[in-house]
Protein backbone atom coordinates (compact mmCIF):
# COMPACT_ATOMS: atom_id res chain seq x y z
CA MET A 1 -191.00 47.71 132.63
CA VAL A 2 -193.50 45.32 132.89
CA ASP A 3 -195.11 41.36 131.86
CA SER A 4 -195.43 41.09 128.31
CA ASP A 5 -198.68 39.92 127.42
CA ASN A 6 -198.55 37.31 125.33
CA PHE A 7 -196.82 39.56 122.69
CA CYS A 8 -193.93 38.31 120.45
CA GLN A 9 -191.90 39.66 117.57
CA LEU A 10 -191.86 38.28 114.91
CA TRP A 11 -189.49 37.63 111.74
CA LEU A 12 -190.14 36.73 107.73
CA THR A 13 -187.90 37.88 104.80
CA CYS A 14 -189.55 38.23 101.43
CA ALA A 15 -188.07 38.42 98.29
CA ASP A 16 -188.20 42.63 97.49
CA LYS A 17 -189.65 45.54 98.24
CA ALA A 18 -192.65 44.93 96.38
CA GLY A 19 -193.96 41.88 97.82
CA ALA A 20 -192.38 43.06 101.61
CA ASN A 21 -194.89 46.77 101.36
CA LYS A 22 -197.75 44.09 100.58
CA ILE A 23 -197.79 41.99 103.83
CA ALA A 24 -196.98 44.80 105.64
CA LYS A 25 -200.21 46.79 104.86
CA THR A 26 -202.28 43.64 104.40
CA LEU A 27 -201.77 42.50 108.19
CA LEU A 28 -202.13 46.01 109.55
CA ASP A 29 -204.99 46.57 107.95
CA LYS A 30 -206.07 43.55 109.90
CA ARG A 31 -204.73 44.65 112.93
CA LEU A 32 -202.62 41.65 112.85
CA VAL A 33 -199.35 43.86 114.21
CA ALA A 34 -198.83 47.11 115.42
CA CYS A 35 -195.72 47.89 113.56
CA VAL A 36 -193.30 46.22 111.18
CA ARG A 37 -189.88 47.01 110.03
CA GLN A 38 -188.77 46.65 107.19
CA ILE A 39 -185.31 45.90 106.68
CA PRO A 40 -182.33 45.01 103.85
CA VAL A 41 -180.36 41.72 104.70
CA ALA A 42 -178.17 39.07 103.12
CA SER A 43 -178.95 36.34 103.14
CA ASP A 44 -177.09 32.58 102.84
CA PHE A 45 -179.43 29.03 103.14
CA HIS A 46 -179.43 26.20 101.61
CA TRP A 47 -181.99 25.26 99.16
CA ARG A 48 -182.35 22.19 97.04
CA GLY A 49 -178.98 20.28 98.21
CA LYS A 50 -177.26 23.91 97.13
CA ILE A 51 -175.73 27.05 99.44
CA GLN A 52 -178.19 30.01 98.28
CA HIS A 53 -177.34 33.64 98.93
CA ALA A 54 -179.84 36.28 98.03
CA ASN A 55 -180.30 39.85 99.34
CA GLU A 56 -184.38 40.27 101.05
CA ILE A 57 -186.06 41.94 103.03
CA MET A 58 -186.57 41.28 106.48
CA LEU A 59 -189.81 42.54 108.13
CA LEU A 60 -190.01 41.99 112.20
CA MET A 61 -193.26 42.73 113.83
CA GLU A 62 -194.73 43.67 116.49
CA SER A 63 -197.79 41.12 117.71
CA ARG A 64 -199.12 38.98 120.49
CA GLY A 65 -198.77 35.29 120.45
CA ASP A 66 -202.18 33.68 119.95
CA LEU A 67 -202.64 35.96 116.40
CA PHE A 68 -199.45 33.63 114.95
CA ASP A 69 -202.15 30.89 113.08
CA GLU A 70 -203.53 33.59 111.29
CA ILE A 71 -200.91 35.80 110.56
CA GLU A 72 -199.65 32.78 108.81
CA ARG A 73 -202.65 32.26 106.99
CA GLU A 74 -202.70 35.78 105.25
CA VAL A 75 -198.78 35.29 105.11
CA ALA A 76 -199.90 32.07 103.56
CA LYS A 77 -202.05 33.74 100.70
CA LEU A 78 -199.80 36.36 100.08
CA HIS A 79 -195.36 35.54 99.87
CA ASN A 80 -194.02 34.90 96.97
CA TYR A 81 -192.18 32.38 98.64
CA ASP A 82 -193.71 28.19 98.58
CA THR A 83 -191.37 28.06 101.49
CA PHE A 84 -191.10 31.13 103.88
CA VAL A 85 -190.25 31.04 107.17
CA LEU A 86 -191.97 32.77 109.99
CA GLU A 87 -190.78 32.54 113.58
CA ALA A 88 -191.79 34.15 116.78
CA THR A 89 -189.92 35.03 119.90
CA PRO A 90 -191.25 36.00 122.80
CA VAL A 91 -190.92 38.96 124.45
CA THR A 92 -190.94 38.35 128.25
CA LYS A 93 -190.92 42.15 129.36
CA ILE A 94 -191.55 45.67 128.08
CA SER A 95 -191.78 49.12 128.87
CA LYS A 96 -195.53 49.90 130.26
CA LYS A 97 -196.34 52.57 127.13
CA ALA A 98 -195.65 50.61 124.72
CA GLY A 99 -197.51 47.11 126.13
CA GLN A 100 -200.23 49.72 126.32
CA TRP A 101 -199.66 50.72 122.50
CA LEU A 102 -199.72 47.45 121.34
CA LYS A 103 -202.76 46.53 123.51
CA GLY A 104 -204.84 48.83 122.15
CA GLU A 105 -203.60 47.96 118.67
CA LEU A 106 -203.92 44.80 118.15
CA LYS A 107 -207.08 43.39 117.16
CA ASN A 108 -209.12 41.09 119.65
CA VAL A 109 -209.80 37.81 119.54
CA ARG A 110 -209.44 36.53 123.32
C-alpha cells in the first residue's frame, strides 16, 4: 500500500443505462477516468418541494482530483439532468500496482 497521487473516486448518478454508457465511454476515451463501474441504485431525494424516487445508474469512477473540472465540463455536455451531482472522494491509500496502473492510464495534465 502506498500514499495516493491525488487519486479520487468520483460518484455520479444517471437516469438510465444509455446515458451512463455515453458518459462512461466519453470519459474513458478522453482518459479522464481509468475505470467506470455501473451500479443500479434506487434513489430517494428532495426535488422541487417533493420527495422523489428514481431507479438510476450510479457511476463509480477512478481518477485524479486535478481532472475534476474537466470531467465536470464533459458531464455537463452529456448528462440528461439539468442538476446532476458529481462528487469526488479522495483516496488516501492505494495498493502499489493499482496506483501504478492509474498513473499510466490517466491523462497527464501536470
